[in-house]
Protein backbone atom coordinates (compact mmCIF):
# COMPACT_ATOMS: atom_id res chain seq x y z
CA UNK A 1 -0.73 -21.92 26.48
CA UNK A 2 -2.20 -20.35 23.35
CA UNK A 3 0.10 -19.08 20.62
CA UNK A 4 -0.39 -15.79 18.74
CA UNK A 5 -2.21 -17.36 15.79
CA UNK A 6 -4.70 -19.03 18.12
CA UNK A 7 -5.18 -15.87 20.16
CA UNK A 8 -5.93 -13.86 17.02
CA UNK A 9 -8.28 -16.57 15.77
CA UNK A 10 -10.20 -16.56 19.06
CA UNK A 11 -10.52 -12.79 18.83
CA UNK A 12 -11.83 -12.97 15.27
CA UNK A 13 -14.33 -15.68 16.17
CA UNK A 14 -15.66 -14.02 19.32
CA UNK A 15 -15.77 -10.31 18.43
CA UNK A 16 -19.16 -8.96 17.36
CA UNK A 17 -20.40 -5.71 15.86
CA UNK A 18 -21.88 -4.62 19.19
CA UNK A 19 -18.40 -4.53 20.72
CA UNK A 20 -16.99 -2.08 18.18
CA UNK A 21 -16.59 1.58 19.21
CA UNK A 22 -18.50 4.18 17.19
CA UNK A 23 -15.31 5.77 15.88
CA UNK A 24 -14.16 2.40 14.53
CA UNK A 25 -17.49 1.88 12.74
CA UNK A 26 -17.40 5.38 11.26
CA UNK A 27 -13.78 4.99 10.15
CA UNK A 28 -14.66 1.71 8.45
CA UNK A 29 -17.48 3.28 6.48
CA UNK A 30 -15.16 6.01 5.23
CA UNK A 31 -12.64 3.40 4.11
CA UNK A 32 -15.33 1.40 2.32
CA UNK A 33 -16.55 4.46 0.39
CA UNK A 34 -13.02 5.54 -0.45
CA UNK A 35 -12.15 2.04 -1.66
CA UNK A 36 -15.26 1.85 -3.84
CA UNK A 37 -14.35 5.22 -5.35
CA UNK A 38 -10.94 3.86 -6.28
CA UNK A 39 -12.63 0.84 -7.84
CA UNK A 40 -14.86 3.07 -9.96
CA UNK A 41 -11.85 5.08 -11.13
CA UNK A 42 -10.02 1.82 -11.76
CA UNK A 43 -12.92 0.53 -13.84
CA UNK A 44 -12.70 3.59 -16.08
CA UNK A 45 -8.95 3.10 -16.47
CA UNK A 46 -9.33 -0.65 -16.98
CA UNK A 47 -11.69 -0.02 -19.88
CA UNK A 48 -8.64 1.34 -21.72
CA UNK A 49 -5.59 -0.32 -20.17
CA UNK A 50 -6.84 -3.43 -18.33
CA UNK A 51 -9.79 -4.33 -20.56
CA UNK A 52 -8.53 -7.91 -20.83
CA UNK A 53 -9.49 -8.62 -17.24
CA UNK A 54 -13.22 -8.63 -17.99
CA UNK A 55 -12.81 -11.07 -20.86
CA UNK A 56 -10.61 -13.26 -18.70
CA UNK A 57 -13.20 -13.44 -15.92
CA UNK A 58 -15.91 -14.35 -18.42
CA UNK A 59 -13.68 -17.07 -19.82
CA UNK A 60 -12.99 -18.50 -16.35
CA UNK A 61 -16.69 -18.61 -15.58
CA UNK A 62 -17.75 -19.76 -12.12
CA UNK A 63 -21.02 -19.93 -10.22
CA UNK A 64 -22.91 -16.61 -10.56
CA UNK A 65 -22.74 -15.76 -6.85
CA UNK A 66 -20.97 -12.37 -6.74
CA UNK A 67 -20.78 -9.24 -8.88
CA UNK A 68 -17.95 -7.46 -10.68
CA UNK A 69 -18.25 -3.73 -9.97
CA UNK A 70 -20.04 -1.66 -12.65
CA UNK A 71 -19.62 -4.34 -15.31
CA UNK A 72 -22.37 -6.28 -13.56
CA UNK A 73 -21.18 -9.74 -14.61
CA UNK A 74 -21.64 -12.57 -12.11
CA UNK A 75 -18.94 -15.06 -11.21
CA UNK A 76 -17.67 -16.93 -8.16
CA UNK A 77 -17.01 -14.95 -4.99
CA UNK A 78 -13.25 -15.50 -5.23
CA UNK A 79 -13.10 -14.42 -8.89
CA UNK A 80 -15.29 -11.35 -8.29
CA UNK A 81 -13.15 -10.31 -5.32
CA UNK A 82 -10.00 -10.80 -7.40
CA UNK A 83 -11.31 -8.65 -10.26
CA UNK A 84 -12.60 -5.88 -8.02
CA UNK A 85 -9.36 -5.91 -6.03
CA UNK A 86 -7.38 -5.29 -9.21
CA UNK A 87 -9.69 -2.44 -10.24
CA UNK A 88 -9.36 -0.77 -6.84
CA UNK A 89 -5.56 -0.75 -6.78
CA UNK A 90 -5.04 0.17 -10.45
CA UNK A 91 -5.01 3.93 -9.79
CA UNK A 92 -2.94 3.72 -6.56
CA UNK A 93 -5.40 6.04 -4.82
CA UNK A 94 -6.47 3.53 -2.16
CA UNK A 95 -5.78 3.56 1.56
CA UNK A 96 -2.58 2.62 3.40
CA UNK A 97 -2.38 1.06 6.84
CA UNK A 98 0.54 2.95 8.33
CA UNK A 99 2.00 0.23 10.53
CA UNK A 100 2.15 -2.35 7.77
CA UNK A 101 2.51 0.04 4.78
CA UNK A 102 -0.10 -2.04 2.98
CA UNK A 103 -3.18 -1.18 0.95
CA UNK A 104 -5.60 -3.32 2.93
CA UNK A 105 -8.82 -1.87 1.54
CA UNK A 106 -8.15 -3.33 -1.91
CA UNK A 107 -8.27 -6.98 -0.75
CA UNK A 108 -10.58 -6.49 2.27
CA UNK A 109 -13.52 -4.56 0.80
CA UNK A 110 -14.01 -6.65 -2.37
CA UNK A 111 -13.64 -9.85 -0.32
CA UNK A 112 -16.30 -8.68 2.12
CA UNK A 113 -18.70 -7.61 -0.63
CA UNK A 114 -18.21 -10.69 -2.80
CA UNK A 115 -18.56 -13.23 -0.01
CA UNK A 116 -21.18 -11.09 1.71
CA UNK A 117 -23.24 -11.19 -1.48
CA UNK A 118 -22.81 -14.96 -1.69
CA UNK A 119 -23.90 -15.71 1.88
CA UNK A 120 -26.42 -12.87 2.29
CA UNK A 121 -24.49 -11.06 5.03
CA UNK A 122 -25.95 -7.88 6.52
CA UNK A 123 -24.14 -4.57 6.88
CA UNK A 124 -23.07 -5.15 10.47
CA UNK A 125 -21.39 -8.39 9.45
CA UNK A 126 -19.50 -6.61 6.66
CA UNK A 127 -18.21 -3.95 9.04
CA UNK A 128 -17.15 -6.52 11.64
CA UNK A 129 -15.32 -8.64 9.07
CA UNK A 130 -13.45 -5.60 7.71
CA UNK A 131 -12.43 -4.33 11.15
CA UNK A 132 -11.11 -7.75 12.17
CA UNK A 133 -9.21 -8.17 8.91
CA UNK A 134 -7.42 -4.86 9.48
CA UNK A 135 -6.71 -5.90 13.06
CA UNK A 136 -5.03 -9.18 12.20
CA UNK A 137 -3.21 -8.06 9.05
CA UNK A 138 -2.18 -4.74 10.60
CA UNK A 139 -0.66 -6.46 13.62
CA UNK A 140 1.20 -8.97 11.46
CA UNK A 141 2.50 -6.09 9.37
CA UNK A 142 3.77 -4.22 12.41
CA UNK A 143 5.55 -7.34 13.56
CA UNK A 144 7.34 -7.83 10.24
CA UNK A 145 8.07 -4.33 9.04
CA UNK A 146 10.37 -2.75 8.01
CA UNK A 147 12.59 -5.67 6.93
CA UNK A 148 9.67 -7.39 5.20
CA UNK A 149 9.65 -4.52 2.71
CA UNK A 150 13.08 -5.40 1.35
CA UNK A 151 11.63 -8.08 -0.91
CA UNK A 152 7.87 -8.23 -0.44
CA UNK A 153 4.87 -6.12 -1.44
CA UNK A 154 2.90 -6.00 1.84
CA UNK A 155 -0.43 -5.53 0.07
CA UNK A 156 -0.04 -8.98 -1.44
CA UNK A 157 1.32 -10.77 1.62
CA UNK A 158 -0.65 -9.22 4.48
CA UNK A 159 -3.65 -8.73 2.21
CA UNK A 160 -3.98 -12.48 1.67
CA UNK A 161 -4.31 -13.05 5.42
CA UNK A 162 -6.70 -10.10 5.70
CA UNK A 163 -8.99 -11.62 3.07
CA UNK A 164 -8.89 -14.97 4.87
CA UNK A 165 -10.04 -13.25 8.06
CA UNK A 166 -12.90 -11.55 6.20
CA UNK A 167 -14.00 -14.87 4.71
CA UNK A 168 -13.62 -16.75 7.99
CA UNK A 169 -15.85 -14.26 9.78
CA UNK A 170 -18.54 -14.18 7.09
CA UNK A 171 -18.54 -17.97 6.83
CA UNK A 172 -18.99 -18.21 10.60
CA UNK A 173 -15.93 -20.36 11.25
CA UNK A 174 -15.16 -21.31 14.83
CA UNK A 175 -11.85 -20.28 16.36
CA UNK A 176 -9.93 -23.47 15.60
CA UNK A 177 -10.96 -23.24 11.94
CA UNK A 178 -10.13 -19.53 11.78
CA UNK A 179 -6.63 -20.38 12.99
CA UNK A 180 -6.29 -22.89 10.18
CA UNK A 181 -7.61 -20.43 7.60
CA UNK A 182 -5.13 -17.76 8.72
CA UNK A 183 -2.30 -20.30 8.62
CA UNK A 184 -3.28 -21.63 5.21
CA UNK A 185 -3.53 -18.11 3.81
CA UNK A 186 -0.12 -17.25 5.27
CA UNK A 187 1.29 -20.36 3.62
CA UNK A 188 0.26 -19.03 0.20
CA UNK A 189 0.86 -15.29 0.73
CA UNK A 190 3.04 -13.63 -1.89
CA UNK A 191 3.75 -10.53 -3.96
CA UNK A 192 7.27 -9.32 -4.72
CA UNK A 193 8.35 -5.73 -4.12
CA UNK A 194 10.06 -5.31 -7.49
CA UNK A 195 6.77 -4.12 -8.94
CA UNK A 196 7.04 -0.91 -6.88
CA UNK A 197 10.55 -0.17 -8.08
CA UNK A 198 9.69 -0.60 -11.75
CA UNK A 199 6.01 0.39 -11.86
CA UNK A 200 5.12 -3.06 -13.13
CA UNK A 201 1.41 -3.75 -13.66
CA UNK A 202 1.65 -6.81 -11.41
CA UNK A 203 1.40 -4.37 -8.49
CA UNK A 204 -2.26 -3.90 -9.39
CA UNK A 205 -2.76 -7.65 -9.47
CA UNK A 206 -1.45 -8.30 -5.96
CA UNK A 207 -4.54 -7.23 -3.97
CA UNK A 208 -6.74 -9.12 -6.41
CA UNK A 209 -4.71 -12.29 -5.96
CA UNK A 210 -4.71 -11.67 -2.19
CA UNK A 211 -8.50 -11.40 -2.10
CA UNK A 212 -8.95 -14.54 -4.20
CA UNK A 213 -6.42 -16.63 -2.30
CA UNK A 214 -7.61 -15.51 1.13
CA UNK A 215 -11.21 -16.40 0.31
CA UNK A 216 -10.14 -19.77 -1.09
CA UNK A 217 -8.12 -20.52 2.05
CA UNK A 218 -11.18 -19.97 4.27
CA UNK A 219 -13.47 -21.86 1.90
CA UNK A 220 -11.12 -24.85 1.88
CA UNK A 221 -11.08 -24.95 5.67
CA UNK A 222 -14.85 -24.45 5.82
CA UNK A 223 -15.21 -27.57 3.65
CA UNK A 224 -13.53 -29.62 6.35
CA UNK A 225 -9.92 -29.73 5.23
CA UNK A 226 -7.40 -30.12 8.05
CA UNK A 227 -5.26 -27.00 7.65
CA UNK A 228 -2.03 -25.98 9.38
CA UNK A 229 -2.06 -24.32 12.78
CA UNK A 230 0.17 -21.74 14.44
CA UNK A 231 1.92 -20.81 11.23
CA UNK A 232 2.55 -17.22 12.31
CA UNK A 233 4.80 -18.22 15.22
CA UNK A 234 6.15 -21.56 14.02
CA UNK A 235 9.97 -21.64 13.94
CA UNK A 236 10.02 -21.94 10.14
CA UNK A 237 6.67 -20.25 9.70
CA UNK A 238 5.40 -16.99 8.28
CA UNK A 239 6.96 -14.42 10.59
CA UNK A 240 10.40 -16.03 10.65
CA UNK A 241 10.38 -16.50 6.88
CA UNK A 242 9.16 -13.02 5.95
CA UNK A 243 11.19 -10.77 8.27
CA UNK A 244 14.70 -10.52 9.68
CA UNK A 245 13.71 -9.95 13.30
CA UNK A 246 9.92 -10.19 13.73
CA UNK A 247 8.51 -8.33 16.74
CA UNK A 248 6.18 -11.08 17.92
CA UNK A 249 4.64 -9.08 20.75
CA UNK A 250 2.95 -6.86 18.15
CA UNK A 251 0.68 -9.76 17.23
CA UNK A 252 -1.31 -9.68 20.45
CA UNK A 253 -0.25 -6.67 22.53
CA UNK A 254 -3.31 -4.62 23.61
CA UNK A 255 -5.59 -6.79 21.50
CA UNK A 256 -9.16 -5.62 22.00
CA UNK A 257 -8.26 -2.25 23.51
CA UNK A 258 -6.80 -0.65 20.37
CA UNK A 259 -7.86 -0.89 16.74
CA UNK A 260 -5.52 -1.09 13.77
CA UNK A 261 -8.13 0.31 11.41
CA UNK A 262 -7.80 3.65 13.20
CA UNK A 263 -4.20 3.77 11.97
CA UNK A 264 -5.32 3.70 8.37
CA UNK A 265 -4.45 6.60 6.07
CA UNK A 266 -6.50 7.70 3.07
CA UNK A 267 -4.91 9.38 0.08
CA UNK A 268 -5.30 12.93 -1.14
CA UNK A 269 -3.21 12.19 -4.26
CA UNK A 270 -3.29 9.20 -6.67
CA UNK A 271 0.41 8.52 -6.09
CA UNK A 272 2.71 6.38 -3.98
CA UNK A 273 2.27 7.42 -0.34
CA UNK A 274 5.91 8.37 0.27
CA UNK A 275 5.47 11.08 -2.40
CA UNK A 276 2.68 12.85 -0.52
CA UNK A 277 4.71 14.89 1.96
CA UNK A 278 7.20 15.91 -0.77
CA UNK A 279 4.23 16.93 -2.95
CA UNK A 280 2.65 18.92 -0.11
CA UNK A 281 5.91 20.72 0.68
CA UNK A 282 6.57 21.48 -2.99
CA UNK A 283 3.10 22.91 -3.63
CA UNK A 284 3.28 25.05 -0.49
CA UNK A 285 6.68 26.57 -1.28
CA UNK A 286 5.92 27.16 -4.96
CA UNK A 287 2.75 29.03 -4.04
CA UNK A 288 4.07 30.94 -1.04
CA UNK A 289 7.20 32.12 -2.84
CA UNK A 290 5.38 32.69 -6.14
CA UNK A 291 7.83 30.45 -8.01
CA UNK A 292 7.54 29.24 -11.59
CA UNK A 293 8.91 25.96 -12.86
CA UNK A 294 11.64 27.72 -14.79
CA UNK A 295 12.80 29.56 -11.62
CA UNK A 296 13.93 26.34 -9.94
CA UNK A 297 17.57 25.26 -10.01
CA UNK A 298 17.22 22.23 -7.71
CA UNK A 299 14.84 20.52 -5.27
CA UNK A 300 16.25 18.47 -2.41
CA UNK A 301 14.22 16.34 -0.01
CA UNK A 302 15.27 14.95 3.36
CA UNK A 303 12.98 12.01 4.06
CA UNK A 304 12.40 9.03 6.33
CA UNK A 305 14.49 5.94 5.45
CA UNK A 306 11.46 4.10 4.06
CA UNK A 307 11.11 6.49 1.15
CA UNK A 308 14.44 6.61 -0.77
CA UNK A 309 14.35 2.88 -1.49
CA UNK A 310 11.26 3.43 -3.55
CA UNK A 311 9.80 6.06 -5.82
CA UNK A 312 13.06 7.21 -7.40
CA UNK A 313 12.22 6.40 -11.00
CA UNK A 314 13.57 9.20 -13.16
CA UNK A 315 12.17 7.78 -16.40
CA UNK A 316 8.58 6.64 -15.80
CA UNK A 317 7.17 5.10 -18.97
CA UNK A 318 3.57 4.40 -17.97
CA UNK A 319 0.81 5.98 -15.84
CA UNK A 320 1.51 3.54 -13.01
CA UNK A 321 5.26 4.14 -13.14
CA UNK A 322 4.59 7.89 -13.00
CA UNK A 323 2.38 7.48 -9.93
CA UNK A 324 5.26 5.65 -8.26
CA UNK A 325 7.88 8.25 -9.24
CA UNK A 326 8.61 10.97 -6.68
CA UNK A 327 10.56 13.07 -9.22
CA UNK A 328 7.62 13.03 -11.63
CA UNK A 329 5.03 13.69 -8.94
CA UNK A 330 6.84 16.70 -7.45
CA UNK A 331 7.63 18.00 -10.93
CA UNK A 332 3.99 17.86 -11.88
CA UNK A 333 3.02 19.45 -8.56
CA UNK A 334 5.55 22.25 -9.09
CA UNK A 335 4.25 22.92 -12.60
CA UNK A 336 0.51 22.76 -11.92
CA UNK A 337 0.11 23.50 -8.23
CA UNK A 338 -1.96 20.35 -7.67
CA UNK A 339 -2.01 16.61 -8.31
CA UNK A 340 -5.00 14.87 -9.89
CA UNK A 341 -5.87 11.81 -11.95
CA UNK A 342 -5.56 13.52 -15.34
CA UNK A 343 -1.88 14.34 -14.76
CA UNK A 344 -0.87 10.75 -15.39
CA UNK A 345 -1.81 10.53 -19.02
CA UNK A 346 0.91 9.65 -21.51
CA UNK A 347 1.25 13.15 -22.97
CA UNK A 348 1.59 14.66 -19.50
CA UNK A 349 4.27 12.15 -18.54
CA UNK A 350 6.30 13.00 -21.65
CA UNK A 351 6.05 16.77 -21.07
CA UNK A 352 9.57 18.03 -21.83
CA UNK A 353 9.45 20.57 -18.99
CA UNK A 354 8.73 17.85 -16.44
CA UNK A 355 11.30 15.51 -17.93
CA UNK A 356 13.92 18.23 -17.44
CA UNK A 357 12.67 19.13 -13.94
CA UNK A 358 12.94 15.54 -12.71
CA UNK A 359 16.70 15.70 -13.14
CA UNK A 360 16.79 18.47 -10.53
CA UNK A 361 15.18 16.34 -7.80
CA UNK A 362 17.30 14.56 -5.16
CA UNK A 363 16.43 12.65 -1.97
CA UNK A 364 18.46 12.16 1.20
CA UNK A 365 17.60 9.49 3.76
CA UNK A 366 17.57 10.74 7.37
CA UNK A 367 17.55 7.85 9.90
CA UNK A 368 16.84 10.25 12.77
CA UNK A 369 13.40 10.94 11.31
CA UNK A 370 12.29 7.46 12.43
CA UNK A 371 12.54 8.50 16.08
CA UNK A 372 11.77 12.17 15.58
CA UNK A 373 8.62 11.55 13.52
CA UNK A 374 7.46 8.00 14.37
CA UNK A 375 4.71 6.55 12.22
CA UNK A 376 5.01 9.23 9.55
CA UNK A 377 6.60 9.77 6.16
CA UNK A 378 7.99 13.18 7.07
CA UNK A 379 9.81 15.20 4.44
CA UNK A 380 11.80 18.42 4.47
CA UNK A 381 12.05 20.22 1.15
CA UNK A 382 14.60 22.78 0.02
CA UNK A 383 14.11 24.60 -3.26
CA UNK A 384 17.07 26.53 -4.68
CA UNK A 385 16.27 29.06 -7.36
CA UNK A 386 18.44 30.04 -10.29
CA UNK A 387 19.11 33.44 -8.70
CA UNK A 388 20.63 31.73 -5.64
CA UNK A 389 17.74 31.89 -3.15
CA UNK A 390 16.91 28.92 -0.91
CA UNK A 391 13.46 28.17 0.49
CA UNK A 392 12.66 25.42 2.96
CA UNK A 393 9.57 23.75 4.36
CA UNK A 394 8.67 20.67 6.38
CA UNK A 395 5.70 18.35 5.87
CA UNK A 396 5.10 15.71 8.56
CA UNK A 397 1.68 14.17 8.04
CA UNK A 398 0.20 13.68 4.59
CA UNK A 399 -3.44 14.66 4.22
CA UNK A 400 -5.52 11.61 5.14
CA UNK A 401 -3.06 10.39 7.80
CA UNK A 402 -4.72 9.55 11.16
CA UNK A 403 -3.14 12.71 12.60
CA UNK A 404 -4.19 14.80 9.60
CA UNK A 405 -7.41 13.01 8.66
CA UNK A 406 -9.84 13.56 5.87
CA UNK A 407 -13.30 14.44 7.13
CA UNK A 408 -16.34 12.45 6.03
CA UNK A 409 -17.24 15.39 3.81
CA UNK A 410 -13.80 15.28 2.17
CA UNK A 411 -14.03 11.52 1.67
CA UNK A 412 -17.41 11.94 0.02
CA UNK A 413 -16.12 14.72 -2.24
CA UNK A 414 -13.22 12.53 -3.31
CA UNK A 415 -15.72 9.77 -4.13
CA UNK A 416 -17.78 12.20 -6.21
CA UNK A 417 -14.69 13.26 -8.17
CA UNK A 418 -13.69 9.66 -8.84
CA UNK A 419 -17.22 8.78 -9.98
CA UNK A 420 -17.80 11.89 -12.08
CA UNK A 421 -17.03 10.42 -15.51
CA UNK A 422 -18.58 7.02 -14.84
CA UNK A 423 -21.76 7.40 -12.77
CA UNK A 424 -24.59 9.91 -12.82
CA UNK A 425 -25.11 12.08 -9.75
CA UNK A 426 -28.12 10.10 -8.56
CA UNK A 427 -26.26 6.79 -8.50
CA UNK A 428 -23.24 8.41 -6.85
CA UNK A 429 -25.34 9.82 -4.03
CA UNK A 430 -27.15 6.50 -3.60
CA UNK A 431 -23.84 4.71 -3.04
CA UNK A 432 -22.76 7.31 -0.47
CA UNK A 433 -26.08 6.92 1.32
CA UNK A 434 -25.82 3.12 1.42
CA UNK A 435 -22.23 3.11 2.65
CA UNK A 436 -22.79 5.65 5.42
CA UNK A 437 -25.83 3.66 6.50
CA UNK A 438 -23.99 0.36 6.12
CA UNK A 439 -24.91 -0.99 9.55
CA UNK A 440 -28.59 -0.70 8.60
CA UNK A 441 -28.39 -2.86 5.45
CA UNK A 442 -30.29 -6.13 5.72
CA UNK A 443 -28.24 -7.73 2.94
CA UNK A 444 -25.05 -6.98 1.01
CA UNK A 445 -27.06 -7.01 -2.22
CA UNK A 446 -28.59 -3.64 -1.28
CA UNK A 447 -25.16 -2.04 -1.74
CA UNK A 448 -24.13 -4.24 -4.67
CA UNK A 449 -27.21 -3.16 -6.65
CA UNK A 450 -26.03 0.47 -6.53
CA UNK A 451 -22.64 -0.52 -7.98
CA UNK A 452 -23.97 -1.77 -11.33
CA UNK A 453 -24.18 0.62 -14.26
């Protein structure tokens, strides 16, 4: 009898592009474009805050087999995927798989492009590898959440396995070797959750490390190493070690008839996802009731239990910490009526009005929301004004959620905004064209060439 790891490995090995539904292919292309947009924005930010990463990659060297976005330098596939993964997650504007609460695009897309460039994979192979990575990592995430989130950053843990699946598929590994690659990646999966609580820059490193380590796991197995097997279900293996009560049936239930990538959510704001429904509710009430910042006495949110344990930093001291702070995000939204990249600059964070407003923000965890609004980050907002009035609103699905999706046009417009200060219009449109025609590419290099300045 096959165990879950073997079943997943067989599925990865045997599934081809021709078996994927059209909606899955289209969803994947939107995720790829969105992820590349985040990488471009991250590159611009990295030029100021993370500039050391480019020098580090040059110092590490490596065979010139894959490309670092925009910078154009060549290095090994694992190092290129690591660097690009860091750039993508730096602005916290990348996708979130809802069942695993992980940013899978940041390790998956750079892994696919880096290894795809190395082996000469076509566009159909890239799409297939990405879809299968989301499938395996998403299912593992569902099995381990929510207890996994107590200590671990899912993007780092599940992302490592996702990258191993990408690499296994692009390297053409047979099922028994895919099982070993998944197990070996699981053995080295890491990333602590503390980075979310404190806004530590290591959060941006996690998907990069995941991409690098996942690729290395598959490459090691491809070289003939005898890796572990069945590590997901083993009694002292990944699932038992990383969750209190893993739901093992999630690993294989309805495999092949449902697709985890369809449960992926894109972001309308460059902030932690649990802040999005509070932001939406705040903007709506402030506009509808014609309120000014100085009119507000207090703002109280009733939220799903997953949110209060994170995002409650009342003294963010960096752009990343501000993006992870619900009080700052809703304060900025209340003041400006929108949330955008330029609101996370140092002078904006230190705005005395916002610093004062943050003290007025409180959150209440509502366990009943888990059953009432399953698979969401629902939030109810109540604003009390200084003249004693109370206004309430409810926001269930953040924009970009599978049940409140961004259209292809909206995804493309977001990409244009993120590319505005880095690429000219011609190059921007060329990237959009290549991504939305991804299945027609003869080689990954056709897309890579558009990503070099």
